[in-house]
Amino acid sequence: MALEFASRSSRGSRSYQEDAALVRAEPGNPGSAAAAQHGSAEQLTAVLADGMGGHAGGALASSTACQIFMRAYETSSGEVPARLAEALQLANAAIAGCVEDNPALNGMGCTLVGTAFGPAGVEWVSVGDSPMFLVRRGEIFLLNEDHSLAPEIDKLAAAGKMSWEDAHADPRRHFLRSALTGADIDLIDRSRLPLALEPGDVVIIASDGIQTLSHAEILSQVEAHAARGPDAIADALLTAVDAAGDLYQDNTTVVIVGFKGD
């Protein structure tokens, strides 16, 4: 494996940051690998979370979930899917512990995407609406399920029960059907098998702030900057989100992983 990665965040129009992301690369980065924002690796673990529940609660939920997930995955052994699943449950339990210690935080939670890149490819577990994309040979694919109401609303439009214009403007689109809140997790998306990577592939893990851009716009930015690597792609995506000028732009965080091959 020859992986390159970069991580970037923007607050958007918010005065606070509720996203969190951690990357651990092996080998390739000296010092605290879990805090690395860019570099190269042969194997890589990345986790991203988007908090909810107010400034303090959302930020605590996302940072706690990322830290516990990464620690749990690093210290576990066995097959990757089981390690990802265990790390997810421990991250959720940690949020429950925070609320138990401080009941004023009741209602806080976060989405989460946890990924492991290794010789067999990439495997993941996710909860919520933070997307994970694959860009390959001029196409973009959404790899994980969207646990917001957006897919359900789009089904109504496809069935002719509402117009597409109303569907796209529906304020319920961003309501979550599943999240880490410390309670039982309603929906979990898991990779069934490792997704083998090809030279030139780019994987994007992002918070839902990226959805200001269409899939075509994300693809365009990746293709325009891929030759300069993940740092350039990450910077370009956040610049494009800012340039869209959404008055209510959410926090946006991206982790970009590129596969160079041999």
C-alpha atoms as a PDB file:
ATOM      1  CA  MET A   1       0.000   0.000   0.000  1.00  0.00           C
ATOM      2  CA  ALA A   2       1.158   3.542  -0.778  1.00  0.00           C
ATOM      3  CA  LEU A   3      -1.290   5.917   0.876  1.00  0.00           C
ATOM      4  CA  GLU A   4      -1.166   9.699   1.128  1.00  0.00           C
ATOM      5  CA  PHE A   5      -3.582  11.608   3.319  1.00  0.00           C
ATOM      6  CA  ALA A   6      -4.621  15.058   4.478  1.00  0.00           C
ATOM      7  CA  SER A   7      -7.183  16.396   6.952  1.00  0.00           C
ATOM      8  CA  ARG A   8      -8.696  19.889   7.023  1.00  0.00           C
ATOM      9  CA  SER A   9     -11.548  21.668   8.852  1.00  0.00           C
ATOM     10  CA  SER A  10     -13.513  24.884   8.420  1.00  0.00           C
ATOM     11  CA  ARG A  11     -16.021  26.486  10.802  1.00  0.00           C
ATOM     12  CA  GLY A  12     -18.104  27.860   7.926  1.00  0.00           C
ATOM     13  CA  SER A  13     -20.524  30.512   9.176  1.00  0.00           C
ATOM     14  CA  ARG A  14     -20.512  29.076  12.697  1.00  0.00           C
ATOM     15  CA  SER A  15     -18.629  30.664  15.586  1.00  0.00           C
ATOM     16  CA  TYR A  16     -17.725  27.229  16.916  1.00  0.00           C
ATOM     17  CA  GLN A  17     -16.475  23.864  15.671  1.00  0.00           C
ATOM     18  CA  GLU A  18     -18.425  20.649  16.352  1.00  0.00           C
ATOM     19  CA  ASP A  19     -16.517  18.406  13.928  1.00  0.00           C
ATOM     20  CA  ALA A  20     -13.586  16.244  14.939  1.00  0.00           C
ATOM     21  CA  ALA A  21     -11.265  13.923  13.019  1.00  0.00           C
ATOM     22  CA  LEU A  22      -8.236  11.781  13.859  1.00  0.00           C
ATOM     23  CA  VAL A  23      -5.844   9.935  11.582  1.00  0.00           C
ATOM     24  CA  ARG A  24      -3.277   7.322  12.565  1.00  0.00           C
ATOM     25  CA  ALA A  25      -0.732   6.331   9.924  1.00  0.00           C
ATOM     26  CA  GLU A  26       1.629   3.361  10.103  1.00  0.00           C
ATOM     27  CA  PRO A  27       4.442   3.941   9.352  1.00  0.00           C
ATOM     28  CA  GLY A  28       5.349   7.303   7.900  1.00  0.00           C
ATOM     29  CA  ASN A  29       4.780   9.973  10.548  1.00  0.00           C
ATOM     30  CA  PRO A  30       6.951  10.644  13.583  1.00  0.00           C
ATOM     31  CA  GLY A  31       5.523  11.603  16.930  1.00  0.00           C
ATOM     32  CA  SER A  32       1.796  11.406  17.642  1.00  0.00           C
ATOM     33  CA  ALA A  33       0.465   9.699  14.539  1.00  0.00           C
ATOM     34  CA  ALA A  34      -3.129  10.010  15.731  1.00  0.00           C
ATOM     35  CA  ALA A  35      -2.811  13.800  15.513  1.00  0.00           C
ATOM     36  CA  ALA A  36      -1.267  13.874  12.031  1.00  0.00           C
ATOM     37  CA  GLN A  37      -2.981  16.164   9.506  1.00  0.00           C
ATOM     38  CA  HIS A  38      -1.087  14.992   6.433  1.00  0.00           C
ATOM     39  CA  GLY A  39       1.532  12.473   5.429  1.00  0.00           C
ATOM     40  CA  SER A  40       2.019   9.042   3.907  1.00  0.00           C
ATOM     41  CA  ALA A  41       1.488   5.521   5.157  1.00  0.00           C
ATOM     42  CA  GLU A  42       1.294   1.852   4.329  1.00  0.00           C
ATOM     43  CA  GLN A  43      -1.708   1.341   6.629  1.00  0.00           C
ATOM     44  CA  LEU A  44      -4.038   3.999   7.975  1.00  0.00           C
ATOM     45  CA  THR A  45      -6.951   4.393  10.374  1.00  0.00           C
ATOM     46  CA  ALA A  46      -9.184   7.465  10.205  1.00  0.00           C
ATOM     47  CA  VAL A  47     -12.253   8.498  12.157  1.00  0.00           C
ATOM     48  CA  LEU A  48     -14.478  11.561  11.693  1.00  0.00           C
ATOM     49  CA  ALA A  49     -17.431  12.727  13.791  1.00  0.00           C
ATOM     50  CA  ASP A  50     -19.911  15.597  13.475  1.00  0.00           C
ATOM     51  CA  GLY A  51     -21.342  16.714  16.810  1.00  0.00           C
ATOM     52  CA  MET A  52     -24.839  17.814  17.758  1.00  0.00           C
ATOM     53  CA  GLY A  53     -26.453  19.110  20.914  1.00  0.00           C
ATOM     54  CA  GLY A  54     -25.227  22.672  21.128  1.00  0.00           C
ATOM     55  CA  HIS A  55     -21.743  24.138  21.064  1.00  0.00           C
ATOM     56  CA  ALA A  56     -20.351  22.486  24.197  1.00  0.00           C
ATOM     57  CA  GLY A  57     -22.228  19.201  23.848  1.00  0.00           C
ATOM     58  CA  GLY A  58     -21.571  18.704  20.149  1.00  0.00           C
ATOM     59  CA  ALA A  59     -17.880  19.451  20.387  1.00  0.00           C
ATOM     60  CA  LEU A  60     -17.477  17.143  23.381  1.00  0.00           C
ATOM     61  CA  ALA A  61     -19.437  14.345  21.717  1.00  0.00           C
ATOM     62  CA  SER A  62     -17.429  14.415  18.500  1.00  0.00           C
ATOM     63  CA  SER A  63     -14.015  14.709  20.150  1.00  0.00           C
ATOM     64  CA  THR A  64     -14.823  12.018  22.715  1.00  0.00           C
ATOM     65  CA  ALA A  65     -16.151   9.646  20.063  1.00  0.00           C
ATOM     66  CA  CYS A  66     -13.067  10.069  17.868  1.00  0.00           C
ATOM     67  CA  GLN A  67     -10.603   9.632  20.713  1.00  0.00           C
ATOM     68  CA  ILE A  68     -12.313   6.555  22.159  1.00  0.00           C
ATOM     69  CA  PHE A  69     -12.875   4.993  18.740  1.00  0.00           C
ATOM     70  CA  MET A  70      -9.237   5.401  17.752  1.00  0.00           C
ATOM     71  CA  ARG A  71      -7.919   4.135  21.081  1.00  0.00           C
ATOM     72  CA  ALA A  72     -10.253   1.139  21.027  1.00  0.00           C
ATOM     73  CA  TYR A  73      -9.329   0.195  17.483  1.00  0.00           C
ATOM     74  CA  GLU A  74      -5.594   0.541  18.129  1.00  0.00           C
ATOM     75  CA  THR A  75      -5.651  -1.610  21.261  1.00  0.00           C
ATOM     76  CA  SER A  76      -7.884  -4.376  19.891  1.00  0.00           C
ATOM     77  CA  SER A  77      -6.957  -7.423  17.855  1.00  0.00           C
ATOM     78  CA  GLY A  78      -8.688  -9.780  15.460  1.00  0.00           C
ATOM     79  CA  GLU A  79     -10.558  -9.204  12.226  1.00  0.00           C
ATOM     80  CA  VAL A  80     -11.018  -5.615  11.084  1.00  0.00           C
ATOM     81  CA  PRO A  81     -14.872  -5.644  10.968  1.00  0.00           C
ATOM     82  CA  ALA A  82     -15.086  -6.817  14.579  1.00  0.00           C
ATOM     83  CA  ARG A  83     -12.542  -4.224  15.699  1.00  0.00           C
ATOM     84  CA  LEU A  84     -14.467  -1.432  13.934  1.00  0.00           C
ATOM     85  CA  ALA A  85     -17.757  -2.598  15.460  1.00  0.00           C
ATOM     86  CA  GLU A  86     -16.298  -2.770  18.958  1.00  0.00           C
ATOM     87  CA  ALA A  87     -14.687   0.660  18.630  1.00  0.00           C
ATOM     88  CA  LEU A  88     -18.042   2.120  17.536  1.00  0.00           C
ATOM     89  CA  GLN A  89     -19.879   0.666  20.531  1.00  0.00           C
ATOM     90  CA  LEU A  90     -17.213   1.883  22.958  1.00  0.00           C
ATOM     91  CA  ALA A  91     -17.390   5.381  21.461  1.00  0.00           C
ATOM     92  CA  ASN A  92     -21.156   5.341  21.954  1.00  0.00           C
ATOM     93  CA  ALA A  93     -20.756   4.133  25.544  1.00  0.00           C
ATOM     94  CA  ALA A  94     -18.294   6.962  26.211  1.00  0.00           C
ATOM     95  CA  ILE A  95     -20.938   9.500  25.184  1.00  0.00           C
ATOM     96  CA  ALA A  96     -23.391   7.835  27.587  1.00  0.00           C
ATOM     97  CA  GLY A  97     -20.753   8.205  30.305  1.00  0.00           C
ATOM     98  CA  CYS A  98     -20.370  11.924  29.608  1.00  0.00           C
ATOM     99  CA  VAL A  99     -24.119  12.472  29.939  1.00  0.00           C
ATOM    100  CA  GLU A 100     -24.235  10.405  33.123  1.00  0.00           C
ATOM    101  CA  ASP A 101     -21.472  12.545  34.612  1.00  0.00           C
ATOM    102  CA  ASN A 102     -23.160  15.788  33.510  1.00  0.00           C
ATOM    103  CA  PRO A 103     -26.937  15.478  32.893  1.00  0.00           C
ATOM    104  CA  ALA A 104     -26.951  18.992  31.419  1.00  0.00           C
ATOM    105  CA  LEU A 105     -25.363  17.410  28.332  1.00  0.00           C
ATOM    106  CA  ASN A 106     -28.387  15.184  27.724  1.00  0.00           C
ATOM    107  CA  GLY A 107     -29.228  15.268  24.011  1.00  0.00           C
ATOM    108  CA  MET A 108     -25.658  15.562  22.788  1.00  0.00           C
ATOM    109  CA  GLY A 109     -24.396  13.124  20.187  1.00  0.00           C
ATOM    110  CA  CYS A 110     -22.591  12.816  16.911  1.00  0.00           C
ATOM    111  CA  THR A 111     -22.324  11.034  13.607  1.00  0.00           C
ATOM    112  CA  LEU A 112     -19.268   8.854  13.033  1.00  0.00           C
ATOM    113  CA  VAL A 113     -17.342   7.321  10.153  1.00  0.00           C
ATOM    114  CA  GLY A 114     -14.514   4.979  11.129  1.00  0.00           C
ATOM    115  CA  THR A 115     -12.236   3.552   8.447  1.00  0.00           C
ATOM    116  CA  ALA A 116      -9.301   1.159   8.228  1.00  0.00           C
ATOM    117  CA  PHE A 117      -7.026   1.125   5.167  1.00  0.00           C
ATOM    118  CA  GLY A 118      -4.821  -1.945   4.783  1.00  0.00           C
ATOM    119  CA  PRO A 119      -3.402  -4.383   2.222  1.00  0.00           C
ATOM    120  CA  ALA A 120      -6.882  -5.704   1.362  1.00  0.00           C
ATOM    121  CA  GLY A 121      -8.291  -2.202   0.795  1.00  0.00           C
ATOM    122  CA  VAL A 122     -10.570  -0.029   2.919  1.00  0.00           C
ATOM    123  CA  GLU A 123     -13.209  -1.140   5.416  1.00  0.00           C
ATOM    124  CA  TRP A 124     -15.570   1.083   7.373  1.00  0.00           C
ATOM    125  CA  VAL A 125     -18.367   1.486   9.860  1.00  0.00           C
ATOM    126  CA  SER A 126     -20.618   4.562   9.932  1.00  0.00           C
ATOM    127  CA  VAL A 127     -23.600   6.061  11.700  1.00  0.00           C
ATOM    128  CA  GLY A 128     -25.396   9.230  10.618  1.00  0.00           C
ATOM    129  CA  ASP A 129     -25.101  11.382   7.520  1.00  0.00           C
ATOM    130  CA  SER A 130     -21.358  12.043   7.273  1.00  0.00           C
ATOM    131  CA  PRO A 131     -20.529  10.840   3.740  1.00  0.00           C
ATOM    132  CA  MET A 132     -17.687   8.690   2.483  1.00  0.00           C
ATOM    133  CA  PHE A 133     -16.921   8.947  -1.234  1.00  0.00           C
ATOM    134  CA  LEU A 134     -14.736   7.069  -3.676  1.00  0.00           C
ATOM    135  CA  VAL A 135     -13.439   8.921  -6.734  1.00  0.00           C
ATOM    136  CA  ARG A 136     -12.246   6.480  -9.380  1.00  0.00           C
ATOM    137  CA  ARG A 137     -11.544   6.943 -13.086  1.00  0.00           C
ATOM    138  CA  GLY A 138     -13.646  10.070 -13.485  1.00  0.00           C
ATOM    139  CA  GLU A 139     -16.620   8.940 -11.394  1.00  0.00           C
ATOM    140  CA  ILE A 140     -17.712   9.543  -7.805  1.00  0.00           C
ATOM    141  CA  PHE A 141     -19.493   6.986  -5.629  1.00  0.00           C
ATOM    142  CA  LEU A 142     -21.105   7.322  -2.204  1.00  0.00           C
ATOM    143  CA  LEU A 143     -19.819   4.336  -0.234  1.00  0.00           C
ATOM    144  CA  ASN A 144     -21.824   4.515   2.986  1.00  0.00           C
ATOM    145  CA  GLU A 145     -25.511   4.855   3.789  1.00  0.00           C
ATOM    146  CA  ASP A 146     -27.082   8.239   4.556  1.00  0.00           C
ATOM    147  CA  HIS A 147     -28.950   7.943   7.865  1.00  0.00           C
ATOM    148  CA  SER A 148     -30.709  11.298   7.536  1.00  0.00           C
ATOM    149  CA  LEU A 149     -34.271  11.747   6.276  1.00  0.00           C
ATOM    150  CA  ALA A 150     -32.984  12.899   2.869  1.00  0.00           C
ATOM    151  CA  PRO A 151     -33.113   9.443   1.204  1.00  0.00           C
ATOM    152  CA  GLU A 152     -36.629   8.852   2.549  1.00  0.00           C
ATOM    153  CA  ILE A 153     -37.839  12.227   1.281  1.00  0.00           C
ATOM    154  CA  ASP A 154     -36.262  11.517  -2.114  1.00  0.00           C
ATOM    155  CA  LYS A 155     -38.183   8.222  -2.248  1.00  0.00           C
ATOM    156  CA  LEU A 156     -41.424  10.189  -1.849  1.00  0.00           C
ATOM    157  CA  ALA A 157     -40.428  12.433  -4.741  1.00  0.00           C
ATOM    158  CA  ALA A 158     -39.476   9.444  -6.898  1.00  0.00           C
ATOM    159  CA  ALA A 159     -42.881   7.920  -6.180  1.00  0.00           C
ATOM    160  CA  GLY A 160     -44.614  11.140  -7.280  1.00  0.00           C
ATOM    161  CA  LYS A 161     -45.887  11.942  -3.794  1.00  0.00           C
ATOM    162  CA  MET A 162     -44.129  15.304  -3.759  1.00  0.00           C
ATOM    163  CA  SER A 163     -42.213  17.405  -6.246  1.00  0.00           C
ATOM    164  CA  TRP A 164     -38.444  17.195  -6.488  1.00  0.00           C
ATOM    165  CA  GLU A 165     -38.298  20.932  -5.827  1.00  0.00           C
ATOM    166  CA  ASP A 166     -40.187  20.488  -2.548  1.00  0.00           C
ATOM    167  CA  ALA A 167     -38.083  17.455  -1.679  1.00  0.00           C
ATOM    168  CA  HIS A 168     -34.807  19.334  -2.094  1.00  0.00           C
ATOM    169  CA  ALA A 169     -36.117  22.286  -0.058  1.00  0.00           C
ATOM    170  CA  ASP A 170     -37.641  20.169   2.723  1.00  0.00           C
ATOM    171  CA  PRO A 171     -36.175  21.347   6.051  1.00  0.00           C
ATOM    172  CA  ARG A 172     -36.399  17.796   7.413  1.00  0.00           C
ATOM    173  CA  ARG A 173     -33.701  16.535   5.036  1.00  0.00           C
ATOM    174  CA  HIS A 174     -30.985  16.920   7.658  1.00  0.00           C
ATOM    175  CA  PHE A 175     -32.908  15.230  10.484  1.00  0.00           C
ATOM    176  CA  LEU A 176     -30.944  12.169  11.594  1.00  0.00           C
ATOM    177  CA  ARG A 177     -32.443   8.701  11.786  1.00  0.00           C
ATOM    178  CA  SER A 178     -29.392   7.366  13.617  1.00  0.00           C
ATOM    179  CA  ALA A 179     -26.546   8.861  15.663  1.00  0.00           C
ATOM    180  CA  LEU A 180     -24.281   8.112  18.602  1.00  0.00           C
ATOM    181  CA  THR A 181     -26.133   9.442  21.656  1.00  0.00           C
ATOM    182  CA  GLY A 182     -25.260   6.834  24.262  1.00  0.00           C
ATOM    183  CA  ALA A 183     -28.500   4.937  23.628  1.00  0.00           C
ATOM    184  CA  ASP A 184     -28.955   1.933  21.332  1.00  0.00           C
ATOM    185  CA  ILE A 185     -27.813   2.783  17.803  1.00  0.00           C
ATOM    186  CA  ASP A 186     -30.753   2.575  15.395  1.00  0.00           C
ATOM    187  CA  LEU A 187     -28.864   2.175  12.100  1.00  0.00           C
ATOM    188  CA  ILE A 188     -25.271   1.133  11.415  1.00  0.00           C
ATOM    189  CA  ASP A 189     -23.644   0.906   7.987  1.00  0.00           C
ATOM    190  CA  ARG A 190     -20.795  -1.580   7.556  1.00  0.00           C
ATOM    191  CA  SER A 191     -18.639  -2.534   4.618  1.00  0.00           C
ATOM    192  CA  ARG A 192     -19.441  -6.148   3.732  1.00  0.00           C
ATOM    193  CA  LEU A 193     -15.988  -6.845   2.303  1.00  0.00           C
ATOM    194  CA  PRO A 194     -12.799  -4.790   1.997  1.00  0.00           C
ATOM    195  CA  LEU A 195     -13.005  -2.424  -0.968  1.00  0.00           C
ATOM    196  CA  ALA A 196      -9.844  -3.026  -2.973  1.00  0.00           C
ATOM    197  CA  LEU A 197      -8.169   0.201  -4.052  1.00  0.00           C
ATOM    198  CA  GLU A 198      -6.704   0.992  -7.448  1.00  0.00           C
ATOM    199  CA  PRO A 199      -3.858   3.393  -8.266  1.00  0.00           C
ATOM    200  CA  GLY A 200      -5.315   6.882  -8.583  1.00  0.00           C
ATOM    201  CA  ASP A 201      -8.257   6.229  -6.247  1.00  0.00           C
ATOM    202  CA  VAL A 202      -9.223   9.008  -3.842  1.00  0.00           C
ATOM    203  CA  VAL A 203     -11.367   8.370  -0.759  1.00  0.00           C
ATOM    204  CA  ILE A 204     -13.111  11.334   0.877  1.00  0.00           C
ATOM    205  CA  ILE A 205     -14.473  11.145   4.429  1.00  0.00           C
ATOM    206  CA  ALA A 206     -16.411  14.289   5.321  1.00  0.00           C
ATOM    207  CA  SER A 207     -18.898  15.918   7.639  1.00  0.00           C
ATOM    208  CA  ASP A 208     -22.220  16.946   6.098  1.00  0.00           C
ATOM    209  CA  GLY A 209     -20.993  20.494   5.502  1.00  0.00           C
ATOM    210  CA  ILE A 210     -19.539  19.123   2.259  1.00  0.00           C
ATOM    211  CA  GLN A 211     -23.091  18.644   0.986  1.00  0.00           C
ATOM    212  CA  THR A 212     -23.141  22.321   0.035  1.00  0.00           C
ATOM    213  CA  LEU A 213     -21.339  20.968  -3.051  1.00  0.00           C
ATOM    214  CA  SER A 214     -23.007  18.590  -5.490  1.00  0.00           C
ATOM    215  CA  HIS A 215     -21.355  15.268  -6.230  1.00  0.00           C
ATOM    216  CA  ALA A 216     -20.342  16.663  -9.613  1.00  0.00           C
ATOM    217  CA  GLU A 217     -18.687  19.670  -7.963  1.00  0.00           C
ATOM    218  CA  ILE A 218     -16.795  17.442  -5.522  1.00  0.00           C
ATOM    219  CA  LEU A 219     -15.620  15.281  -8.427  1.00  0.00           C
ATOM    220  CA  SER A 220     -14.516  18.359 -10.369  1.00  0.00           C
ATOM    221  CA  GLN A 221     -12.382  19.619  -7.481  1.00  0.00           C
ATOM    222  CA  VAL A 222     -10.768  16.219  -6.969  1.00  0.00           C
ATOM    223  CA  GLU A 223      -9.912  15.815 -10.635  1.00  0.00           C
ATOM    224  CA  ALA A 224      -8.555  19.363 -10.907  1.00  0.00           C
ATOM    225  CA  HIS A 225      -6.184  18.952  -7.948  1.00  0.00           C
ATOM    226  CA  ALA A 226      -5.457  15.202  -7.749  1.00  0.00           C
ATOM    227  CA  ALA A 227      -2.023  15.547  -9.350  1.00  0.00           C
ATOM    228  CA  ARG A 228      -0.898  17.704  -6.374  1.00  0.00           C
ATOM    229  CA  GLY A 229      -2.093  15.218  -3.801  1.00  0.00           C
ATOM    230  CA  PRO A 230      -4.509  15.082  -0.841  1.00  0.00           C
ATOM    231  CA  ASP A 231      -3.404  18.413   0.684  1.00  0.00           C
ATOM    232  CA  ALA A 232      -4.368  20.254  -2.495  1.00  0.00           C
ATOM    233  CA  ILE A 233      -7.662  18.360  -2.780  1.00  0.00           C
ATOM    234  CA  ALA A 234      -8.604  19.097   0.840  1.00  0.00           C
ATOM    235  CA  ASP A 235      -7.796  22.807   0.468  1.00  0.00           C
ATOM    236  CA  ALA A 236      -9.718  23.021  -2.806  1.00  0.00           C
ATOM    237  CA  LEU A 237     -12.834  21.373  -1.389  1.00  0.00           C
ATOM    238  CA  LEU A 238     -12.987  23.707   1.611  1.00  0.00           C
ATOM    239  CA  THR A 239     -12.345  26.714  -0.640  1.00  0.00           C
ATOM    240  CA  ALA A 240     -15.215  25.606  -2.901  1.00  0.00           C
ATOM    241  CA  VAL A 241     -17.549  25.224   0.079  1.00  0.00           C
ATOM    242  CA  ASP A 242     -16.662  28.733   1.281  1.00  0.00           C
ATOM    243  CA  ALA A 243     -17.081  30.132  -2.241  1.00  0.00           C
ATOM    244  CA  ALA A 244     -20.628  28.761  -2.416  1.00  0.00           C
ATOM    245  CA  GLY A 245     -21.585  31.522   0.015  1.00  0.00           C
ATOM    246  CA  ASP A 246     -24.172  29.661   2.087  1.00  0.00           C
ATOM    247  CA  LEU A 247     -25.236  32.098   4.837  1.00  0.00           C
ATOM    248  CA  TYR A 248     -25.841  29.140   7.156  1.00  0.00           C
ATOM    249  CA  GLN A 249     -22.828  27.085   6.160  1.00  0.00           C
ATOM    250  CA  ASP A 250     -22.169  24.300   8.640  1.00  0.00           C
ATOM    251  CA  ASN A 251     -18.746  23.208   9.859  1.00  0.00           C
ATOM    252  CA  THR A 252     -16.953  21.192   7.191  1.00  0.00           C
ATOM    253  CA  THR A 253     -14.225  18.640   7.816  1.00  0.00           C
ATOM    254  CA  VAL A 254     -12.586  16.402   5.223  1.00  0.00           C
ATOM    255  CA  VAL A 255     -10.106  13.556   5.392  1.00  0.00           C
ATOM    256  CA  ILE A 256      -8.631  12.770   1.975  1.00  0.00           C
ATOM    257  CA  VAL A 257      -6.842   9.483   1.312  1.00  0.00           C
ATOM    258  CA  GLY A 258      -5.181   8.846  -2.026  1.00  0.00           C
ATOM    259  CA  PHE A 259      -3.823   5.502  -3.230  1.00  0.00           C
ATOM    260  CA  LYS A 260      -0.692   5.812  -5.319  1.00  0.00           C
ATOM    261  CA  GLY A 261      -0.133   2.109  -6.003  1.00  0.00           C
ATOM    262  CA  ASP A 262       3.246   0.735  -7.006  1.00  0.00           C
END
